[in-house]
Amino acid sequence: MTPVKCTVIDNVPLLHRAGLVLPAELSAFPDCCGAGNGLGEWVVPERVYGLRISPSCFIHDDDWEEAPPTWDAFRAANSRFLDNLLAQVETQSRFWPVKFLRRHRVMDYYGAVTDAHRVFWRLKKRQMTAGLWVEYVLPKNV
């Protein structure tokens, strides 16, 4: 299992892979949420009721890229994504009604990435074809 580190940026505690270098400010993270254009972008846009969640998406993208091809790694990456989303909502939301709405919306995001397991396994298959993860065998039915 990859070691996890917590880095506080602009008062937001973010969990990430120990080897990942993060920008010094939340505003310096690139836009990277969603699955490009269309439905994927609509399901997970860059903002949740005005809150830019790109830091959480950046870390989640790295988690998926670096995760070994196991269900445990898939679940751990998604769990960190939810933890980071909620940390952003909790620390960056001033008014409780907005915080409440944002909490519910990030749960939808979490559900979307959990349902996107086929995307994760396609990535792992491509990586394995490229010679990565040779010590692993893909789980059945992926």
C-alpha atoms as a PDB file:
ATOM      1  CA  MET A   1       0.000   0.000   0.000  1.00  0.00           C
ATOM      2  CA  THR A   2       1.299   3.462  -0.921  1.00  0.00           C
ATOM      3  CA  PRO A   3       2.057   5.708   2.076  1.00  0.00           C
ATOM      4  CA  VAL A   4      -0.368   8.606   2.507  1.00  0.00           C
ATOM      5  CA  LYS A   5       0.566  12.075   3.656  1.00  0.00           C
ATOM      6  CA  CYS A   6      -1.533  15.036   4.807  1.00  0.00           C
ATOM      7  CA  THR A   7      -0.524  18.483   3.593  1.00  0.00           C
ATOM      8  CA  VAL A   8      -2.318  21.637   4.715  1.00  0.00           C
ATOM      9  CA  ILE A   9      -2.663  24.216   1.951  1.00  0.00           C
ATOM     10  CA  ASP A  10      -4.514  27.473   2.631  1.00  0.00           C
ATOM     11  CA  ASN A  11      -5.925  25.871   5.818  1.00  0.00           C
ATOM     12  CA  VAL A  12      -7.284  22.834   3.922  1.00  0.00           C
ATOM     13  CA  PRO A  13      -5.875  19.440   5.022  1.00  0.00           C
ATOM     14  CA  LEU A  14      -5.420  17.312   1.895  1.00  0.00           C
ATOM     15  CA  LEU A  15      -4.575  13.602   1.901  1.00  0.00           C
ATOM     16  CA  HIS A  16      -2.320  12.438  -0.923  1.00  0.00           C
ATOM     17  CA  ARG A  17       0.294   9.919  -1.998  1.00  0.00           C
ATOM     18  CA  ALA A  18       3.519  10.589  -0.102  1.00  0.00           C
ATOM     19  CA  GLY A  19       5.566  11.156  -3.278  1.00  0.00           C
ATOM     20  CA  LEU A  20       3.191  13.651  -4.881  1.00  0.00           C
ATOM     21  CA  VAL A  21       4.391  17.263  -4.973  1.00  0.00           C
ATOM     22  CA  LEU A  22       1.507  19.693  -4.495  1.00  0.00           C
ATOM     23  CA  PRO A  23       1.318  23.395  -5.398  1.00  0.00           C
ATOM     24  CA  ALA A  24       1.808  25.810  -2.499  1.00  0.00           C
ATOM     25  CA  GLU A  25      -1.631  27.421  -2.924  1.00  0.00           C
ATOM     26  CA  LEU A  26      -5.062  26.022  -3.773  1.00  0.00           C
ATOM     27  CA  SER A  27      -5.403  28.498  -6.636  1.00  0.00           C
ATOM     28  CA  ALA A  28      -2.272  27.038  -8.288  1.00  0.00           C
ATOM     29  CA  PHE A  29      -3.834  23.609  -8.906  1.00  0.00           C
ATOM     30  CA  PRO A  30      -4.747  23.024 -12.561  1.00  0.00           C
ATOM     31  CA  ASP A  31      -8.330  22.507 -13.699  1.00  0.00           C
ATOM     32  CA  CYS A  32      -8.644  18.733 -13.930  1.00  0.00           C
ATOM     33  CA  CYS A  33     -12.109  17.675 -12.761  1.00  0.00           C
ATOM     34  CA  GLY A  34     -14.525  15.763 -14.924  1.00  0.00           C
ATOM     35  CA  ALA A  35     -13.987  13.371 -17.753  1.00  0.00           C
ATOM     36  CA  GLY A  36     -13.294  15.885 -20.494  1.00  0.00           C
ATOM     37  CA  ASN A  37     -16.371  17.095 -22.308  1.00  0.00           C
ATOM     38  CA  GLY A  38     -19.995  16.091 -22.232  1.00  0.00           C
ATOM     39  CA  LEU A  39     -21.635  14.056 -19.503  1.00  0.00           C
ATOM     40  CA  GLY A  40     -18.441  13.406 -17.531  1.00  0.00           C
ATOM     41  CA  GLU A  41     -17.760  17.119 -17.287  1.00  0.00           C
ATOM     42  CA  TRP A  42     -21.357  17.791 -16.270  1.00  0.00           C
ATOM     43  CA  VAL A  43     -21.290  15.127 -13.544  1.00  0.00           C
ATOM     44  CA  VAL A  44     -18.006  16.366 -12.025  1.00  0.00           C
ATOM     45  CA  PRO A  45     -17.397  20.024 -12.979  1.00  0.00           C
ATOM     46  CA  GLU A  46     -14.604  22.199 -11.540  1.00  0.00           C
ATOM     47  CA  ARG A  47     -16.889  23.935  -9.060  1.00  0.00           C
ATOM     48  CA  VAL A  48     -19.455  22.917  -6.468  1.00  0.00           C
ATOM     49  CA  TYR A  49     -21.780  25.855  -5.887  1.00  0.00           C
ATOM     50  CA  GLY A  50     -18.882  28.223  -6.523  1.00  0.00           C
ATOM     51  CA  LEU A  51     -16.204  26.215  -4.673  1.00  0.00           C
ATOM     52  CA  ARG A  52     -13.327  25.163  -6.954  1.00  0.00           C
ATOM     53  CA  ILE A  53     -12.553  21.516  -6.156  1.00  0.00           C
ATOM     54  CA  SER A  54      -9.612  21.072  -8.535  1.00  0.00           C
ATOM     55  CA  PRO A  55      -7.169  20.263  -5.688  1.00  0.00           C
ATOM     56  CA  SER A  56      -9.236  17.200  -4.746  1.00  0.00           C
ATOM     57  CA  CYS A  57      -9.558  16.155  -8.394  1.00  0.00           C
ATOM     58  CA  PHE A  58      -5.810  16.624  -9.001  1.00  0.00           C
ATOM     59  CA  ILE A  59      -4.966  14.311  -6.113  1.00  0.00           C
ATOM     60  CA  HIS A  60      -7.614  11.780  -7.184  1.00  0.00           C
ATOM     61  CA  ASP A  61      -6.243  11.714 -10.740  1.00  0.00           C
ATOM     62  CA  ASP A  62      -2.768  10.996  -9.344  1.00  0.00           C
ATOM     63  CA  ASP A  63      -4.188   8.316  -7.051  1.00  0.00           C
ATOM     64  CA  TRP A  64      -5.817   6.521  -9.964  1.00  0.00           C
ATOM     65  CA  GLU A  65      -2.693   6.844 -12.115  1.00  0.00           C
ATOM     66  CA  GLU A  66      -0.364   5.486  -9.422  1.00  0.00           C
ATOM     67  CA  ALA A  67      -2.681   2.940  -7.777  1.00  0.00           C
ATOM     68  CA  PRO A  68      -1.924  -0.739  -8.290  1.00  0.00           C
ATOM     69  CA  PRO A  69      -4.632  -2.706 -10.108  1.00  0.00           C
ATOM     70  CA  THR A  70      -6.595  -3.847  -7.059  1.00  0.00           C
ATOM     71  CA  TRP A  71     -10.063  -3.176  -5.724  1.00  0.00           C
ATOM     72  CA  ASP A  72      -8.519  -2.078  -2.424  1.00  0.00           C
ATOM     73  CA  ALA A  73      -6.440   0.594  -4.193  1.00  0.00           C
ATOM     74  CA  PHE A  74      -9.503   1.747  -6.166  1.00  0.00           C
ATOM     75  CA  ARG A  75     -11.558   2.102  -2.983  1.00  0.00           C
ATOM     76  CA  ALA A  76      -8.725   3.825  -1.089  1.00  0.00           C
ATOM     77  CA  ALA A  77      -8.259   6.397  -3.868  1.00  0.00           C
ATOM     78  CA  ASN A  78     -11.962   7.152  -3.945  1.00  0.00           C
ATOM     79  CA  SER A  79     -12.130   7.374  -0.163  1.00  0.00           C
ATOM     80  CA  ARG A  80      -9.293   9.946  -0.146  1.00  0.00           C
ATOM     81  CA  PHE A  81     -11.155  11.859  -2.854  1.00  0.00           C
ATOM     82  CA  LEU A  82     -14.219  12.091  -0.626  1.00  0.00           C
ATOM     83  CA  ASP A  83     -12.113  13.043   2.413  1.00  0.00           C
ATOM     84  CA  ASN A  84     -10.455  15.832   0.429  1.00  0.00           C
ATOM     85  CA  LEU A  85     -13.735  17.090  -1.023  1.00  0.00           C
ATOM     86  CA  LEU A  86     -15.294  17.232   2.438  1.00  0.00           C
ATOM     87  CA  ALA A  87     -12.187  18.948   3.849  1.00  0.00           C
ATOM     88  CA  GLN A  88     -12.485  21.610   1.164  1.00  0.00           C
ATOM     89  CA  VAL A  89     -16.194  22.080   1.848  1.00  0.00           C
ATOM     90  CA  GLU A  90     -15.700  22.259   5.617  1.00  0.00           C
ATOM     91  CA  THR A  91     -12.827  24.727   5.549  1.00  0.00           C
ATOM     92  CA  GLN A  92     -13.845  26.873   2.579  1.00  0.00           C
ATOM     93  CA  SER A  93     -17.597  27.274   3.141  1.00  0.00           C
ATOM     94  CA  ARG A  94     -18.588  30.252   5.257  1.00  0.00           C
ATOM     95  CA  PHE A  95     -22.357  29.912   5.466  1.00  0.00           C
ATOM     96  CA  TRP A  96     -24.053  26.731   6.693  1.00  0.00           C
ATOM     97  CA  PRO A  97     -26.734  26.594   3.942  1.00  0.00           C
ATOM     98  CA  VAL A  98     -24.040  26.645   1.252  1.00  0.00           C
ATOM     99  CA  LYS A  99     -21.941  24.146   3.200  1.00  0.00           C
ATOM    100  CA  PHE A 100     -24.971  21.855   3.460  1.00  0.00           C
ATOM    101  CA  LEU A 101     -25.606  22.032  -0.310  1.00  0.00           C
ATOM    102  CA  ARG A 102     -21.944  21.487  -1.111  1.00  0.00           C
ATOM    103  CA  ARG A 103     -21.726  18.444   1.188  1.00  0.00           C
ATOM    104  CA  HIS A 104     -24.610  16.812  -0.625  1.00  0.00           C
ATOM    105  CA  ARG A 105     -23.188  17.622  -4.041  1.00  0.00           C
ATOM    106  CA  VAL A 106     -19.735  16.183  -3.254  1.00  0.00           C
ATOM    107  CA  MET A 107     -21.446  12.962  -2.212  1.00  0.00           C
ATOM    108  CA  ASP A 108     -22.779  12.848  -5.790  1.00  0.00           C
ATOM    109  CA  TYR A 109     -19.190  13.312  -7.040  1.00  0.00           C
ATOM    110  CA  TYR A 110     -18.034  10.462  -4.840  1.00  0.00           C
ATOM    111  CA  GLY A 111     -20.813   8.275  -6.202  1.00  0.00           C
ATOM    112  CA  ALA A 112     -19.820   9.167  -9.766  1.00  0.00           C
ATOM    113  CA  VAL A 113     -16.170   8.126  -9.319  1.00  0.00           C
ATOM    114  CA  THR A 114     -17.180   4.975  -7.470  1.00  0.00           C
ATOM    115  CA  ASP A 115     -19.493   4.071 -10.357  1.00  0.00           C
ATOM    116  CA  ALA A 116     -16.676   4.808 -12.831  1.00  0.00           C
ATOM    117  CA  HIS A 117     -14.800   1.627 -11.965  1.00  0.00           C
ATOM    118  CA  ARG A 118     -14.724   0.656 -15.658  1.00  0.00           C
ATOM    119  CA  VAL A 119     -12.610   3.759 -16.368  1.00  0.00           C
ATOM    120  CA  PHE A 120     -10.185   2.768 -13.601  1.00  0.00           C
ATOM    121  CA  TRP A 121      -9.849  -0.777 -14.950  1.00  0.00           C
ATOM    122  CA  ARG A 122      -9.363   0.434 -18.547  1.00  0.00           C
ATOM    123  CA  LEU A 123      -6.502   2.595 -17.266  1.00  0.00           C
ATOM    124  CA  LYS A 124      -4.986  -0.355 -15.389  1.00  0.00           C
ATOM    125  CA  LYS A 125      -5.273  -2.599 -18.470  1.00  0.00           C
ATOM    126  CA  ARG A 126      -3.481   0.032 -20.585  1.00  0.00           C
ATOM    127  CA  GLN A 127      -0.777   0.346 -17.944  1.00  0.00           C
ATOM    128  CA  MET A 128      -0.349  -3.422 -17.780  1.00  0.00           C
ATOM    129  CA  THR A 129      -0.106  -3.628 -21.593  1.00  0.00           C
ATOM    130  CA  ALA A 130       2.626  -0.973 -21.376  1.00  0.00           C
ATOM    131  CA  GLY A 131       4.596  -3.190 -18.973  1.00  0.00           C
ATOM    132  CA  LEU A 132       3.525  -1.782 -15.610  1.00  0.00           C
ATOM    133  CA  TRP A 133       2.133  -3.871 -12.777  1.00  0.00           C
ATOM    134  CA  VAL A 134       3.535  -7.140 -14.195  1.00  0.00           C
ATOM    135  CA  GLU A 135       3.413  -8.668 -10.723  1.00  0.00           C
ATOM    136  CA  TYR A 136      -0.397  -8.282 -10.618  1.00  0.00           C
ATOM    137  CA  VAL A 137      -3.230 -10.232 -12.135  1.00  0.00           C
ATOM    138  CA  LEU A 138      -6.395  -8.332 -12.931  1.00  0.00           C
ATOM    139  CA  PRO A 139      -9.409  -9.328 -10.876  1.00  0.00           C
ATOM    140  CA  LYS A 140     -12.082 -11.283 -12.696  1.00  0.00           C
ATOM    141  CA  ASN A 141     -14.997  -9.399 -14.262  1.00  0.00           C
ATOM    142  CA  VAL A 142     -13.208  -6.061 -14.774  1.00  0.00           C
END
